[in-house]
Structures are given as C-alpha cells and as structure tokens.
C-alpha cells in the first residue's frame, strides 16, 4: 500500500525475521538437507508432521511440516510464493565451511555472487525452495553511490578464494555445479526440483575451476 512521507513511520529498528516455516513433501528428506548437510540442530519434533531446527540454541530458525503438503510437489512456474530463504553466516570462514559441507554432500550450486555488501551461494532444497547462504561484509565497506545510498552489484564469486577461508579440510568425493553458466533462476520449478533432488545422490564428475557465475542480489 502506498504511503506518503508525511505519515510514514518506519518499523522499529530491532524487528527481524525470526524464522521461516516451510511446507515440505517428505520430512526425512528435508531433514537430511537442513540437519545433515547444513548442520541445523533439531530442537523439537511436533508429532509426526513437523520438526523445528535452529542454530546456537534458539527455539527455531527453521520449521518444516507436511501438514498440508505430504507427498506434494512444488508450485508450477508463473505462480507467486517464496523466492528464496537467505541464511546469514557470521563470518566469511563460516560461509566457507558451509560450502565445504555442500561439496561433501554433492549438493549442486545454482550460482555464487559477490554483491559488494555480501558474498552469497545459491542453491535449492529438496522441495525446490530457493536457498541463499551468505555473509555480510562490515557496513563500513559497503559500496555506495554519490548520494550515499547502498549500491549492491553482482559479480562472480571466486569460490577457490572462499574455500581458502575454511578452517577444516577434507577431500571431496564429488563436486558438480550447475552445468550452464547462463541458467536462469526463473526456470520452471520442475527443472529446479530435478536439479535439487539429483544432487542428493552420489555424483562422480570432476571438480572444475571454481570461478562461478553471478546471481542478482535479492
């Protein structure tokens, strides 16, 4: 709804997004992604149809349920809904560890971007929901225009450089980014789901050079 400068009152600066609650088709499959791969801890199971997960002991940052979606499929292309869930990591090193976890699990990246204000990885969960993993640079280093407004950009992220930040090492058995550097995130949901589901199987492709394509900030 449109507002005018005269009557607009901004929201309290302390307000934040507390959690995201997703409808999923298969609870165990989603747990393998959010718990086993990303590392969120289960804080509570709510009957057989829901589970809550968090980082650092909070009651929940992520909720998953099958109450209305058991065995369901993602919405078709051209419909409204969730674009992506963005998970912010406290440091660049923590994001690097997240990338290594994805590599170890054979999870495909859709893209990776340097937005000036942040560095971000893009992928999809098993239900085709967009997921962004990122860390924020210090506010003092954010790019700004001549008027002082934040000026986000979209540049390719050097994943080799990011991986060098990880504090732990392993030999990944597989690594497979999205094959096309021009893949559009607006592609039909069914092809996204195909990519997401196939990444949970063992992948035997060789790891390529780690300069990945860029995604627009969102």
Protein backbone atom coordinates (compact mmCIF):
# COMPACT_ATOMS: atom_id res chain seq x y z
CA UNK A 1 0.00 0.00 0.00
CA UNK A 2 1.31 3.44 -0.94
CA UNK A 3 2.36 5.81 1.82
CA UNK A 4 3.38 9.46 1.93
CA UNK A 5 6.43 10.96 3.56
CA UNK A 6 4.22 12.92 5.96
CA UNK A 7 2.54 9.93 7.63
CA UNK A 8 5.17 7.24 7.23
CA UNK A 9 6.63 5.81 10.44
CA UNK A 10 9.41 3.23 9.99
CA UNK A 11 9.25 -0.10 11.76
CA UNK A 12 11.19 -0.49 15.00
CA UNK A 13 14.86 -1.00 14.12
CA UNK A 14 15.02 -4.04 16.37
CA UNK A 15 12.49 -6.04 14.33
CA UNK A 16 13.98 -9.01 12.48
CA UNK A 17 12.92 -12.15 10.67
CA UNK A 18 12.62 -14.75 13.42
CA UNK A 19 12.20 -17.95 11.45
CA UNK A 20 10.99 -19.49 8.23
CA UNK A 21 8.43 -22.32 8.22
CA UNK A 22 8.32 -24.42 5.07
CA UNK A 23 5.76 -26.86 3.72
CA UNK A 24 7.65 -29.93 2.52
CA UNK A 25 6.73 -33.20 0.85
CA UNK A 26 8.97 -35.55 2.84
CA UNK A 27 10.10 -34.62 6.34
CA UNK A 28 13.00 -37.07 6.50
CA UNK A 29 14.31 -35.92 3.12
CA UNK A 30 14.20 -32.29 4.23
CA UNK A 31 15.95 -33.17 7.49
CA UNK A 32 18.79 -34.73 5.53
CA UNK A 33 19.31 -31.34 3.90
CA UNK A 34 18.72 -28.87 6.74
CA UNK A 35 20.16 -31.04 9.54
CA UNK A 36 22.68 -33.39 7.96
CA UNK A 37 24.07 -31.08 5.26
CA UNK A 38 23.62 -27.53 6.57
CA UNK A 39 24.02 -28.52 10.21
CA UNK A 40 20.94 -27.05 11.91
CA UNK A 41 20.16 -28.78 15.21
CA UNK A 42 16.75 -30.31 15.86
CA UNK A 43 15.15 -28.57 18.83
CA UNK A 44 11.73 -30.24 18.77
CA UNK A 45 9.66 -32.73 16.83
CA UNK A 46 5.99 -31.81 16.74
CA UNK A 47 4.19 -35.09 16.29
CA UNK A 48 4.96 -36.93 13.05
CA UNK A 49 4.27 -33.99 10.80
CA UNK A 50 6.65 -31.22 11.84
CA UNK A 51 10.12 -30.53 13.16
CA UNK A 52 11.89 -27.39 14.36
CA UNK A 53 15.59 -26.65 13.90
CA UNK A 54 17.94 -23.90 15.00
CA UNK A 55 21.49 -22.62 15.20
CA UNK A 56 23.01 -21.84 18.58
CA UNK A 57 20.18 -22.99 20.83
CA UNK A 58 17.39 -20.65 19.66
CA UNK A 59 13.96 -22.31 19.81
CA UNK A 60 13.80 -22.44 16.00
CA UNK A 61 15.09 -20.69 12.92
CA UNK A 62 13.62 -23.24 10.50
CA UNK A 63 10.32 -25.08 10.74
CA UNK A 64 9.40 -27.95 8.42
CA UNK A 65 5.98 -29.55 8.15
CA UNK A 66 3.94 -31.92 5.97
CA UNK A 67 0.52 -30.97 7.40
CA UNK A 68 -0.83 -29.84 4.01
CA UNK A 69 1.96 -30.98 1.70
CA UNK A 70 2.79 -34.65 2.36
CA UNK A 71 3.89 -36.16 -0.94
CA UNK A 72 3.21 -32.87 -2.70
CA UNK A 73 5.07 -31.10 -5.46
CA UNK A 74 6.38 -27.53 -5.86
CA UNK A 75 4.07 -24.88 -7.34
CA UNK A 76 4.27 -24.50 -11.12
CA UNK A 77 6.20 -21.73 -12.79
CA UNK A 78 4.42 -18.40 -13.01
CA UNK A 79 2.85 -18.56 -9.55
CA UNK A 80 3.62 -16.39 -6.56
CA UNK A 81 5.30 -17.63 -3.41
CA UNK A 82 8.70 -17.96 -1.80
CA UNK A 83 11.64 -16.75 -3.90
CA UNK A 84 14.34 -17.91 -1.52
CA UNK A 85 15.29 -18.26 2.12
CA UNK A 86 18.50 -16.39 2.97
CA UNK A 87 20.67 -17.72 5.81
CA UNK A 88 23.33 -15.30 7.04
CA UNK A 89 26.61 -16.64 8.42
CA UNK A 90 28.64 -14.64 10.96
CA UNK A 91 31.97 -14.73 9.11
CA UNK A 92 33.48 -15.48 5.73
CA UNK A 93 35.18 -18.53 7.24
CA UNK A 94 31.81 -19.88 8.42
CA UNK A 95 30.42 -19.49 4.90
CA UNK A 96 33.47 -21.32 3.55
CA UNK A 97 32.76 -24.24 5.88
CA UNK A 98 29.16 -24.27 4.64
CA UNK A 99 30.44 -24.51 1.06
CA UNK A 100 32.66 -27.46 2.01
CA UNK A 101 29.67 -29.18 3.60
CA UNK A 102 27.72 -28.76 0.36
CA UNK A 103 30.63 -30.16 -1.63
CA UNK A 104 30.95 -33.16 0.67
CA UNK A 105 27.24 -33.93 0.19
CA UNK A 106 27.39 -33.45 -3.58
CA UNK A 107 24.89 -30.57 -3.49
CA UNK A 108 24.71 -28.50 -6.66
CA UNK A 109 25.15 -24.75 -6.55
CA UNK A 110 22.93 -22.72 -8.84
CA UNK A 111 25.32 -19.79 -8.57
CA UNK A 112 27.64 -17.73 -6.41
CA UNK A 113 27.90 -13.94 -6.29
CA UNK A 114 29.84 -11.08 -4.79
CA UNK A 115 27.28 -8.34 -4.18
CA UNK A 116 29.71 -5.83 -2.69
CA UNK A 117 27.80 -5.83 0.60
CA UNK A 118 27.95 -9.62 0.84
CA UNK A 119 29.17 -12.86 -0.69
CA UNK A 120 26.47 -15.41 -1.45
CA UNK A 121 25.90 -19.01 -2.52
CA UNK A 122 22.64 -20.03 -4.20
CA UNK A 123 21.05 -23.47 -4.31
CA UNK A 124 17.74 -25.28 -3.83
CA UNK A 125 16.49 -27.57 -1.10
CA UNK A 126 14.92 -30.97 -1.93
CA UNK A 127 11.48 -29.37 -2.38
CA UNK A 128 12.74 -26.81 -4.86
CA UNK A 129 12.77 -23.89 -2.42
CA UNK A 130 15.48 -21.36 -3.20
CA UNK A 131 18.17 -21.11 -0.51
CA UNK A 132 20.82 -18.41 -0.22
CA UNK A 133 23.80 -18.79 2.13
CA UNK A 134 25.76 -15.58 2.66
CA UNK A 135 27.90 -13.44 4.94
CA UNK A 136 27.79 -9.65 5.21
CA UNK A 137 30.87 -7.50 4.86
CA UNK A 138 31.25 -4.80 7.53
CA UNK A 139 28.86 -1.94 6.84
CA UNK A 140 31.77 0.49 6.62
CA UNK A 141 32.97 -1.29 3.47
CA UNK A 142 29.63 -1.44 1.62
CA UNK A 143 29.72 0.22 -1.81
CA UNK A 144 27.69 3.42 -2.06
CA UNK A 145 26.67 5.84 -4.79
CA UNK A 146 27.31 9.57 -4.88
CA UNK A 147 24.25 10.18 -2.69
CA UNK A 148 25.44 7.74 -0.05
CA UNK A 149 22.88 5.04 -0.88
CA UNK A 150 23.89 1.38 -0.80
CA UNK A 151 24.92 0.28 -4.30
CA UNK A 152 24.81 -3.51 -4.47
CA UNK A 153 26.33 -5.15 -7.51
CA UNK A 154 26.51 -8.65 -8.96
CA UNK A 155 29.95 -10.05 -9.69
CA UNK A 156 31.18 -13.62 -9.94
CA UNK A 157 32.45 -15.05 -6.67
CA UNK A 158 35.84 -16.75 -6.65
CA UNK A 159 34.97 -19.98 -4.84
CA UNK A 160 38.61 -21.07 -4.60
CA UNK A 161 39.31 -17.92 -2.62
CA UNK A 162 36.32 -18.55 -0.39
CA UNK A 163 37.31 -22.17 0.22
CA UNK A 164 40.70 -20.98 1.44
CA UNK A 165 38.94 -19.43 4.44
CA UNK A 166 37.65 -22.76 5.76
CA UNK A 167 39.29 -23.87 8.98
CA UNK A 168 38.88 -27.58 8.24
CA UNK A 169 39.87 -29.66 5.25
CA UNK A 170 38.69 -32.82 3.56
CA UNK A 171 38.98 -34.45 0.16
CA UNK A 172 35.58 -34.03 -1.52
CA UNK A 173 34.47 -37.12 -3.38
CA UNK A 174 32.39 -35.12 -5.81
CA UNK A 175 31.68 -31.60 -6.92
CA UNK A 176 29.13 -30.64 -9.53
CA UNK A 177 27.96 -27.07 -10.08
CA UNK A 178 25.05 -26.32 -12.35
CA UNK A 179 26.26 -27.16 -15.88
CA UNK A 180 25.15 -23.97 -17.61
CA UNK A 181 26.65 -20.63 -16.66
CA UNK A 182 23.56 -18.94 -18.07
CA UNK A 183 20.95 -20.84 -16.08
CA UNK A 184 18.10 -18.51 -15.24
CA UNK A 185 16.62 -18.65 -11.75
CA UNK A 186 13.21 -18.06 -13.33
CA UNK A 187 13.39 -21.51 -14.96
CA UNK A 188 10.37 -23.75 -14.38
CA UNK A 189 10.03 -25.20 -10.91
CA UNK A 190 10.06 -28.76 -12.23
CA UNK A 191 13.57 -28.41 -13.61
CA UNK A 192 14.69 -26.86 -10.34
CA UNK A 193 13.28 -29.81 -8.44
CA UNK A 194 15.04 -32.21 -10.77
CA UNK A 195 18.35 -30.48 -10.08
CA UNK A 196 17.76 -30.38 -6.34
CA UNK A 197 16.72 -34.00 -6.00
CA UNK A 198 19.51 -35.34 -8.17
CA UNK A 199 22.17 -33.63 -6.10
CA UNK A 200 21.44 -35.84 -3.10
CA UNK A 201 22.73 -38.86 -4.99
CA UNK A 202 26.42 -39.65 -5.39
CA UNK A 203 27.99 -37.50 -8.11
CA UNK A 204 31.11 -38.61 -9.91
CA UNK A 205 32.02 -35.59 -12.01
CA UNK A 206 35.41 -33.95 -11.63
CA UNK A 207 35.61 -30.63 -9.87
CA UNK A 208 36.07 -27.75 -12.37
CA UNK A 209 37.71 -24.36 -11.90
CA UNK A 210 35.91 -22.65 -9.05
CA UNK A 211 35.00 -19.31 -10.58
CA UNK A 212 31.20 -19.42 -10.52
CA UNK A 213 28.54 -17.39 -12.23
CA UNK A 214 26.83 -14.49 -10.53
CA UNK A 215 23.32 -14.15 -9.15
CA UNK A 216 21.49 -10.88 -8.70
CA UNK A 217 21.03 -9.71 -5.11
CA UNK A 218 17.66 -10.38 -3.53
